[in-house]
Structure formats: structure tokens, C-alpha cells
Amino acid sequence: MKRKLPIAGAIGAILMASLTTTPVFARAATQAVSPENDARKAQMKCIWEAKWPLRHSTAYRVGDVRTKNQIRNSSTPEVRKMQSVCRALTSTSEAEKRKARLTCHDLLLVKRLRDGDDARMHADRVEKVCKTLDEPFVTPILEGNAR
């Protein structure tokens, strides 16, 4: 028993030393912040939000793990339309964005008809996505170089 304590202490000290080699603020400062990363994060948040109706269904809430996985991996027409809107966030084609804007506003009307606080907050988040689609995206690099 006495022999195991120094070994466990040494292993613990090594693990703690390896975790604290780079401070959190230094890691955050070294990460590259680019418009592509921001657009990708916005798209991933949008896709997560697109699957909201699946995660908030009664079948999902009362289902077992297998049922929840099946529901999470399935899709409905509403989810597919919202995912196409999310993909249009990073698109450069103006025709695709115009189509996504119309689809987004139609989906927003449907989502506003749902009752409950969660549904209202979901509709507010979808409205932010629609506003993001309406705004023209200007890269900061081009803004800084324009003279």
C-alpha cells in the first residue's frame, strides 16, 4: 500500500503539469479569427437550430435512447428546408441566397404559429438567421485595403 501512494502522486503531478502548460488566455489569443471560421460557426449553429423540432417532439422526450437516435438522425420537410437555408448562409450565389430568404421567411411564419416559450425563442433565433441572410457580407480584409 505504501508503494502505490508515491506513484499515484507522481502521475497526478505529471497530469496537472501537462494541463497547465499553456494558459487558457494564451490559447485563445493564438487561435486565428477569420471570417470563414465565423461563417462556419454560424452555419453550424443554424443547422443545430434547424433540428429543433425533432428534439422538442413528444416522441423524442419520452423515447428511449434508440428512439431518440432515430429521431435525431431523421428529418422532416421543415428540417430539410431549414438546413438548405443554413447552407445558403455560406453561399456566394445571389440566386441561392434570394431563394433561401424566401424560404426562411415562409418557415418563420410557420414557426411563429407554435405555442410555448421554447417555440417563441426558437422562432426568434430563426429570425436572426433570416436577418443574417438579408445583410450583405463584406470581408474585413477587403474593407481595410480599400483606399
N, C-alpha and C. Protein backbone atom coordinates (compact mmCIF):
# COMPACT_ATOMS: atom_id res chain seq x y z
N MET A 1 0.81 -1.18 0.00
CA MET A 1 0.00 0.00 0.00
C MET A 1 0.86 1.25 0.00
N LYS A 2 1.99 1.21 0.72
CA LYS A 2 2.85 2.37 0.80
C LYS A 2 3.52 2.66 -0.54
N ARG A 3 3.76 1.68 -1.34
CA ARG A 3 4.45 1.86 -2.60
C ARG A 3 3.56 2.53 -3.64
N LYS A 4 2.24 2.34 -3.56
CA LYS A 4 1.33 2.88 -4.56
C LYS A 4 1.11 4.38 -4.41
N LEU A 5 1.19 4.90 -3.20
CA LEU A 5 0.92 6.32 -2.98
C LEU A 5 1.91 7.24 -3.69
N PRO A 6 3.22 7.03 -3.63
CA PRO A 6 4.14 7.91 -4.36
C PRO A 6 3.95 7.83 -5.87
N ILE A 7 3.63 6.66 -6.39
CA ILE A 7 3.41 6.51 -7.84
C ILE A 7 2.17 7.27 -8.27
N ALA A 8 1.10 7.13 -7.50
CA ALA A 8 -0.13 7.85 -7.83
C ALA A 8 0.08 9.35 -7.72
N GLY A 9 0.84 9.79 -6.73
CA GLY A 9 1.14 11.21 -6.59
C GLY A 9 1.96 11.74 -7.74
N ALA A 10 2.92 10.95 -8.21
CA ALA A 10 3.76 11.35 -9.33
C ALA A 10 2.94 11.44 -10.61
N ILE A 11 2.06 10.48 -10.81
CA ILE A 11 1.21 10.50 -12.01
C ILE A 11 0.28 11.72 -11.96
N GLY A 12 -0.28 11.99 -10.80
CA GLY A 12 -1.14 13.16 -10.65
C GLY A 12 -0.40 14.45 -10.90
N ALA A 13 0.84 14.54 -10.43
CA ALA A 13 1.64 15.75 -10.65
C ALA A 13 1.97 15.93 -12.12
N ILE A 14 2.28 14.84 -12.81
CA ILE A 14 2.57 14.92 -14.25
C ILE A 14 1.32 15.37 -15.01
N LEU A 15 0.17 14.81 -14.68
CA LEU A 15 -1.06 15.21 -15.35
C LEU A 15 -1.39 16.68 -15.11
N MET A 16 -1.23 17.14 -13.89
CA MET A 16 -1.52 18.55 -13.59
C MET A 16 -0.54 19.47 -14.30
N ALA A 17 0.72 19.06 -14.40
CA ALA A 17 1.71 19.88 -15.09
C ALA A 17 1.41 19.95 -16.58
N SER A 18 0.95 18.85 -17.16
CA SER A 18 0.65 18.86 -18.60
C SER A 18 -0.60 19.67 -18.90
N LEU A 19 -1.53 19.73 -17.97
CA LEU A 19 -2.75 20.51 -18.20
C LEU A 19 -2.51 22.01 -18.09
N THR A 20 -1.56 22.41 -17.30
CA THR A 20 -1.35 23.84 -17.07
C THR A 20 -0.15 24.40 -17.82
N THR A 21 0.34 23.72 -18.85
CA THR A 21 1.49 24.23 -19.58
C THR A 21 1.15 25.48 -20.38
N THR A 22 -0.01 25.52 -21.03
CA THR A 22 -0.42 26.67 -21.80
C THR A 22 -1.66 27.27 -21.16
N PRO A 23 -1.57 28.50 -20.68
CA PRO A 23 -2.75 29.11 -20.07
C PRO A 23 -3.87 29.28 -21.08
N VAL A 24 -5.09 29.33 -20.57
CA VAL A 24 -6.26 29.43 -21.43
C VAL A 24 -6.24 30.71 -22.24
N PHE A 25 -5.86 31.84 -21.61
CA PHE A 25 -5.86 33.10 -22.33
C PHE A 25 -4.83 33.13 -23.45
N ALA A 26 -3.72 32.40 -23.30
CA ALA A 26 -2.72 32.34 -24.36
C ALA A 26 -3.22 31.51 -25.52
N ARG A 27 -3.96 30.42 -25.23
CA ARG A 27 -4.53 29.62 -26.30
C ARG A 27 -5.56 30.40 -27.08
N ALA A 28 -6.38 31.19 -26.40
CA ALA A 28 -7.40 31.96 -27.08
C ALA A 28 -6.78 33.04 -27.96
N ALA A 29 -5.67 33.61 -27.54
CA ALA A 29 -5.02 34.66 -28.31
C ALA A 29 -4.36 34.11 -29.56
N THR A 30 -3.91 32.86 -29.53
CA THR A 30 -3.22 32.29 -30.68
C THR A 30 -4.16 31.72 -31.72
N GLN A 31 -5.42 31.50 -31.36
CA GLN A 31 -6.36 30.95 -32.33
C GLN A 31 -6.69 31.99 -33.39
N ALA A 32 -6.69 31.58 -34.62
CA ALA A 32 -6.96 32.51 -35.72
C ALA A 32 -8.45 32.83 -35.78
N VAL A 33 -8.74 34.10 -35.87
CA VAL A 33 -10.12 34.54 -36.01
C VAL A 33 -10.27 35.02 -37.44
N SER A 34 -11.03 34.30 -38.21
CA SER A 34 -11.20 34.66 -39.61
C SER A 34 -12.68 34.66 -39.95
N PRO A 35 -13.04 35.36 -41.01
CA PRO A 35 -14.44 35.38 -41.42
C PRO A 35 -14.97 33.99 -41.79
N GLU A 36 -14.08 33.13 -42.32
CA GLU A 36 -14.51 31.79 -42.68
C GLU A 36 -14.90 30.99 -41.44
N ASN A 37 -14.12 31.15 -40.35
CA ASN A 37 -14.46 30.46 -39.10
C ASN A 37 -15.78 30.96 -38.55
N ASP A 38 -15.99 32.28 -38.59
CA ASP A 38 -17.24 32.84 -38.09
C ASP A 38 -18.43 32.36 -38.92
N ALA A 39 -18.26 32.31 -40.23
CA ALA A 39 -19.34 31.85 -41.10
C ALA A 39 -19.64 30.38 -40.84
N ARG A 40 -18.60 29.59 -40.63
CA ARG A 40 -18.78 28.17 -40.37
C ARG A 40 -19.49 27.95 -39.03
N LYS A 41 -19.10 28.74 -38.01
CA LYS A 41 -19.75 28.62 -36.71
C LYS A 41 -21.22 29.01 -36.81
N ALA A 42 -21.51 30.07 -37.57
CA ALA A 42 -22.89 30.50 -37.75
C ALA A 42 -23.69 29.42 -38.46
N GLN A 43 -23.07 28.78 -39.44
CA GLN A 43 -23.76 27.72 -40.17
C GLN A 43 -24.03 26.51 -39.27
N MET A 44 -23.08 26.15 -38.43
CA MET A 44 -23.27 25.01 -37.54
C MET A 44 -24.34 25.30 -36.48
N LYS A 45 -24.38 26.53 -35.97
CA LYS A 45 -25.44 26.92 -35.04
C LYS A 45 -26.79 26.85 -35.72
N CYS A 46 -26.83 27.27 -36.97
CA CYS A 46 -28.08 27.25 -37.73
C CYS A 46 -28.55 25.82 -37.96
N ILE A 47 -27.64 24.93 -38.30
CA ILE A 47 -28.03 23.53 -38.53
C ILE A 47 -28.51 22.89 -37.23
N TRP A 48 -27.89 23.24 -36.10
CA TRP A 48 -28.36 22.75 -34.81
C TRP A 48 -29.77 23.28 -34.55
N GLU A 49 -30.00 24.52 -34.87
CA GLU A 49 -31.31 25.13 -34.67
C GLU A 49 -32.34 24.53 -35.62
N ALA A 50 -31.91 24.11 -36.81
CA ALA A 50 -32.83 23.52 -37.78
C ALA A 50 -33.43 22.22 -37.25
N LYS A 51 -32.68 21.50 -36.42
CA LYS A 51 -33.17 20.23 -35.89
C LYS A 51 -33.98 20.40 -34.60
N TRP A 52 -34.28 21.63 -34.23
CA TRP A 52 -35.03 21.91 -33.01
C TRP A 52 -36.38 21.19 -32.97
N PRO A 53 -37.18 21.19 -34.05
CA PRO A 53 -38.47 20.50 -33.97
C PRO A 53 -38.35 19.00 -33.67
N LEU A 54 -37.25 18.40 -34.11
CA LEU A 54 -37.06 16.97 -33.84
C LEU A 54 -36.77 16.74 -32.37
N ARG A 55 -35.92 17.59 -31.78
CA ARG A 55 -35.53 17.39 -30.39
C ARG A 55 -36.64 17.77 -29.41
N HIS A 56 -37.61 18.57 -29.84
CA HIS A 56 -38.66 19.01 -28.93
C HIS A 56 -40.00 18.34 -29.21
N SER A 57 -39.97 17.22 -29.90
CA SER A 57 -41.20 16.48 -30.12
C SER A 57 -41.51 15.60 -28.91
N THR A 58 -42.75 15.22 -28.77
CA THR A 58 -43.16 14.37 -27.66
C THR A 58 -42.50 13.00 -27.76
N ALA A 59 -42.40 12.47 -28.96
CA ALA A 59 -41.78 11.16 -29.14
C ALA A 59 -40.31 11.18 -28.70
N TYR A 60 -39.63 12.28 -28.94
CA TYR A 60 -38.23 12.39 -28.53
C TYR A 60 -38.12 12.48 -27.01
N ARG A 61 -39.00 13.25 -26.40
CA ARG A 61 -38.92 13.45 -24.96
C ARG A 61 -39.20 12.18 -24.17
N VAL A 62 -40.12 11.35 -24.64
CA VAL A 62 -40.49 10.15 -23.88
C VAL A 62 -39.80 8.90 -24.42
N GLY A 63 -39.02 9.02 -25.48
CA GLY A 63 -38.41 7.85 -26.09
C GLY A 63 -37.17 7.37 -25.37
N ASP A 64 -36.81 6.12 -25.65
CA ASP A 64 -35.59 5.58 -25.11
C ASP A 64 -34.41 6.04 -25.99
N VAL A 65 -33.23 5.59 -25.68
CA VAL A 65 -32.02 6.06 -26.37
C VAL A 65 -32.08 5.73 -27.86
N ARG A 66 -32.52 4.52 -28.19
CA ARG A 66 -32.58 4.11 -29.59
C ARG A 66 -33.56 4.99 -30.37
N THR A 67 -34.73 5.23 -29.79
CA THR A 67 -35.73 6.06 -30.44
C THR A 67 -35.22 7.48 -30.62
N LYS A 68 -34.54 8.01 -29.60
CA LYS A 68 -34.00 9.36 -29.70
C LYS A 68 -32.96 9.46 -30.81
N ASN A 69 -32.11 8.47 -30.94
CA ASN A 69 -31.11 8.47 -32.01
C ASN A 69 -31.78 8.40 -33.38
N GLN A 70 -32.83 7.59 -33.50
CA GLN A 70 -33.53 7.50 -34.77
C GLN A 70 -34.19 8.83 -35.12
N ILE A 71 -34.80 9.48 -34.16
CA ILE A 71 -35.46 10.76 -34.40
C ILE A 71 -34.42 11.82 -34.75
N ARG A 72 -33.31 11.82 -34.03
CA ARG A 72 -32.27 12.81 -34.27
C ARG A 72 -31.67 12.68 -35.66
N ASN A 73 -31.59 11.45 -36.17
CA ASN A 73 -30.99 11.22 -37.49
C ASN A 73 -32.01 11.26 -38.62
N SER A 74 -33.28 11.45 -38.30
CA SER A 74 -34.29 11.55 -39.35
C SER A 74 -34.48 13.02 -39.69
N SER A 75 -35.35 13.29 -40.64
CA SER A 75 -35.66 14.69 -40.95
C SER A 75 -37.08 14.79 -41.47
N THR A 76 -37.61 15.98 -41.38
CA THR A 76 -38.93 16.30 -41.88
C THR A 76 -38.75 17.36 -42.96
N PRO A 77 -39.80 17.63 -43.74
CA PRO A 77 -39.66 18.69 -44.75
C PRO A 77 -39.25 20.03 -44.16
N GLU A 78 -39.77 20.34 -42.97
CA GLU A 78 -39.41 21.61 -42.33
C GLU A 78 -37.92 21.65 -41.99
N VAL A 79 -37.40 20.55 -41.47
CA VAL A 79 -35.99 20.48 -41.11
C VAL A 79 -35.12 20.58 -42.36
N ARG A 80 -35.49 19.87 -43.42
CA ARG A 80 -34.71 19.91 -44.66
C ARG A 80 -34.70 21.32 -45.26
N LYS A 81 -35.83 22.01 -45.22
CA LYS A 81 -35.87 23.38 -45.75
C LYS A 81 -34.97 24.30 -44.93
N MET A 82 -35.02 24.14 -43.61
CA MET A 82 -34.20 25.00 -42.75
C MET A 82 -32.72 24.70 -42.94
N GLN A 83 -32.37 23.45 -43.17
CA GLN A 83 -30.97 23.11 -43.41
C GLN A 83 -30.49 23.68 -44.74
N SER A 84 -31.36 23.73 -45.74
CA SER A 84 -30.97 24.36 -47.01
C SER A 84 -30.75 25.86 -46.83
N VAL A 85 -31.54 26.48 -45.95
CA VAL A 85 -31.33 27.89 -45.63
C VAL A 85 -29.97 28.06 -44.96
N CYS A 86 -29.62 27.15 -44.06
CA CYS A 86 -28.34 27.22 -43.37
C CYS A 86 -27.17 27.08 -44.33
N ARG A 87 -27.31 26.20 -45.31
CA ARG A 87 -26.24 26.04 -46.29
C ARG A 87 -26.09 27.28 -47.15
N ALA A 88 -27.16 28.01 -47.35
CA ALA A 88 -27.10 29.23 -48.15
C ALA A 88 -26.40 30.37 -47.42
N LEU A 89 -26.22 30.24 -46.10
CA LEU A 89 -25.51 31.28 -45.35
C LEU A 89 -24.09 31.47 -45.86
N THR A 90 -23.43 30.40 -46.25
CA THR A 90 -22.06 30.49 -46.72
C THR A 90 -21.95 30.49 -48.25
N SER A 91 -23.07 30.53 -48.92
CA SER A 91 -23.07 30.52 -50.38
C SER A 91 -22.70 31.89 -50.92
N THR A 92 -22.12 31.92 -52.11
CA THR A 92 -21.80 33.19 -52.75
C THR A 92 -22.78 33.52 -53.85
N SER A 93 -23.61 32.57 -54.22
CA SER A 93 -24.57 32.78 -55.30
C SER A 93 -25.74 33.64 -54.81
N GLU A 94 -26.01 34.72 -55.51
CA GLU A 94 -27.09 35.63 -55.11
C GLU A 94 -28.45 34.98 -55.34
N ALA A 95 -28.59 34.16 -56.39
CA ALA A 95 -29.86 33.49 -56.65
C ALA A 95 -30.19 32.50 -55.53
N GLU A 96 -29.17 31.78 -55.06
CA GLU A 96 -29.40 30.82 -53.99
C GLU A 96 -29.77 31.54 -52.69
N LYS A 97 -29.13 32.67 -52.43
CA LYS A 97 -29.47 33.43 -51.23
C LYS A 97 -30.88 34.01 -51.30
N ARG A 98 -31.29 34.46 -52.47
CA ARG A 98 -32.64 35.00 -52.64
C ARG A 98 -33.69 33.92 -52.37
N LYS A 99 -33.44 32.73 -52.90
CA LYS A 99 -34.35 31.61 -52.66
C LYS A 99 -34.38 31.24 -51.18
N ALA A 100 -33.21 31.27 -50.53
CA ALA A 100 -33.13 30.94 -49.11
C ALA A 100 -33.86 31.99 -48.27
N ARG A 101 -33.79 33.26 -48.67
CA ARG A 101 -34.50 34.32 -47.93
C ARG A 101 -36.00 34.07 -47.94
N LEU A 102 -36.53 33.75 -49.12
CA LEU A 102 -37.97 33.48 -49.24
C LEU A 102 -38.37 32.26 -48.41
N THR A 103 -37.57 31.21 -48.47
CA THR A 103 -37.84 30.01 -47.69
C THR A 103 -37.77 30.30 -46.20
N CYS A 104 -36.80 31.10 -45.81
CA CYS A 104 -36.62 31.42 -44.39
C CYS A 104 -37.82 32.19 -43.86
N HIS A 105 -38.31 33.15 -44.63
CA HIS A 105 -39.46 33.92 -44.16
C HIS A 105 -40.73 33.07 -44.12
N ASP A 106 -40.88 32.14 -45.06
CA ASP A 106 -42.02 31.22 -45.01
C ASP A 106 -41.94 30.31 -43.77
N LEU A 107 -40.75 29.79 -43.49
CA LEU A 107 -40.57 28.95 -42.31
C LEU A 107 -40.81 29.74 -41.02
N LEU A 108 -40.40 30.98 -41.02
CA LEU A 108 -40.59 31.82 -39.83
C LEU A 108 -42.07 32.01 -39.54
N LEU A 109 -42.88 32.17 -40.58
CA LEU A 109 -44.32 32.29 -40.37
C LEU A 109 -44.90 31.03 -39.74
N VAL A 110 -44.44 29.87 -40.19
CA VAL A 110 -44.91 28.60 -39.63
C VAL A 110 -44.46 28.45 -38.18
N LYS A 111 -43.22 28.83 -37.91
CA LYS A 111 -42.67 28.67 -36.56
C LYS A 111 -43.32 29.63 -35.57
N ARG A 112 -43.78 30.78 -36.03
CA ARG A 112 -44.44 31.74 -35.14
C ARG A 112 -45.82 31.25 -34.67
N LEU A 113 -46.40 30.28 -35.38
CA LEU A 113 -47.72 29.78 -35.01
C LEU A 113 -47.67 28.79 -33.84
N ARG A 114 -46.50 28.30 -33.49
CA ARG A 114 -46.38 27.34 -32.40
C ARG A 114 -46.54 28.04 -31.06
N ASP A 115 -47.09 27.31 -30.10
CA ASP A 115 -47.29 27.85 -28.76
C ASP A 115 -46.12 27.49 -27.86
N GLY A 116 -45.94 28.28 -26.81
CA GLY A 116 -44.94 27.99 -25.80
C GLY A 116 -43.74 28.91 -25.87
N ASP A 117 -43.08 29.02 -24.72
CA ASP A 117 -41.91 29.89 -24.64
C ASP A 117 -40.74 29.36 -25.46
N ASP A 118 -40.53 28.04 -25.43
CA ASP A 118 -39.43 27.44 -26.20
C ASP A 118 -39.62 27.69 -27.69
N ALA A 119 -40.84 27.53 -28.17
CA ALA A 119 -41.12 27.74 -29.59
C ALA A 119 -40.92 29.21 -29.96
N ARG A 120 -41.29 30.12 -29.07
CA ARG A 120 -41.10 31.55 -29.35
C ARG A 120 -39.61 31.89 -29.41
N MET A 121 -38.83 31.34 -28.49
CA MET A 121 -37.38 31.59 -28.53
C MET A 121 -36.75 30.98 -29.77
N HIS A 122 -37.24 29.80 -30.18
CA HIS A 122 -36.76 29.17 -31.41
C HIS A 122 -37.06 30.06 -32.61
N ALA A 123 -38.25 30.61 -32.67
CA ALA A 123 -38.61 31.49 -33.78
C ALA A 123 -37.75 32.75 -33.79
N ASP A 124 -37.41 33.26 -32.61
CA ASP A 124 -36.53 34.42 -32.54
C ASP A 124 -35.13 34.10 -33.09
N ARG A 125 -34.63 32.91 -32.78
CA ARG A 125 -33.32 32.52 -33.29
C ARG A 125 -33.36 32.33 -34.81
N VAL A 126 -34.46 31.80 -35.33
CA VAL A 126 -34.59 31.64 -36.78
C VAL A 126 -34.68 33.01 -37.44
N GLU A 127 -35.33 33.94 -36.77
CA GLU A 127 -35.42 35.30 -37.31
C GLU A 127 -34.03 35.94 -37.42
N LYS A 128 -33.15 35.66 -36.47
CA LYS A 128 -31.78 36.17 -36.56
C LYS A 128 -31.07 35.58 -37.77
N VAL A 129 -31.33 34.30 -38.06
CA VAL A 129 -30.73 33.68 -39.24
C VAL A 129 -31.23 34.36 -40.50
N CYS A 130 -32.52 34.65 -40.54
CA CYS A 130 -33.09 35.33 -41.72
C CYS A 130 -32.48 36.72 -41.89
N LYS A 131 -32.27 37.42 -40.78
CA LYS A 131 -31.65 38.75 -40.86
C LYS A 131 -30.21 38.65 -41.34
N THR A 132 -29.52 37.61 -40.92
CA THR A 132 -28.14 37.41 -41.38
C THR A 132 -28.11 37.19 -42.88
N LEU A 133 -29.09 36.48 -43.41
CA LEU A 133 -29.17 36.27 -44.85
C LEU A 133 -29.46 37.57 -45.59
N ASP A 134 -30.24 38.45 -44.97
CA ASP A 134 -30.60 39.71 -45.62
C ASP A 134 -29.43 40.69 -45.70
N GLU A 135 -28.52 40.60 -44.73
CA GLU A 135 -27.40 41.54 -44.70
C GLU A 135 -26.33 41.10 -45.69
N PRO A 136 -25.77 42.04 -46.42
CA PRO A 136 -24.66 41.68 -47.31
C PRO A 136 -23.41 41.41 -46.49
N PHE A 137 -22.68 40.39 -46.86
CA PHE A 137 -21.46 40.03 -46.13
C PHE A 137 -20.27 40.70 -46.79
N VAL A 138 -19.53 41.49 -46.03
CA VAL A 138 -18.33 42.16 -46.52
C VAL A 138 -17.16 41.65 -45.71
N THR A 139 -16.15 41.16 -46.39
CA THR A 139 -14.99 40.64 -45.67
C THR A 139 -14.18 41.80 -45.11
N PRO A 140 -13.70 41.70 -43.87
CA PRO A 140 -12.93 42.77 -43.26
C PRO A 140 -11.61 43.05 -44.00
N ILE A 141 -11.05 42.06 -44.66
CA ILE A 141 -9.78 42.26 -45.37
C ILE A 141 -9.99 43.24 -46.51
N LEU A 142 -11.06 43.08 -47.26
CA LEU A 142 -11.32 43.98 -48.36
C LEU A 142 -11.66 45.39 -47.88
N GLU A 143 -12.32 45.51 -46.74
CA GLU A 143 -12.64 46.82 -46.20
C GLU A 143 -11.39 47.58 -45.83
N GLY A 144 -10.44 46.90 -45.20
CA GLY A 144 -9.23 47.55 -44.75
C GLY A 144 -8.32 47.97 -45.89
N ASN A 145 -8.35 47.21 -46.99
CA ASN A 145 -7.46 47.51 -48.11
C ASN A 145 -8.04 48.53 -49.07
N ALA A 146 -9.32 48.81 -48.98
CA ALA A 146 -9.92 49.78 -49.91
C ALA A 146 -9.45 51.18 -49.55
N ARG A 147 -8.95 51.90 -50.56
CA ARG A 147 -8.47 53.28 -50.32
C ARG A 147 -9.11 54.22 -51.27
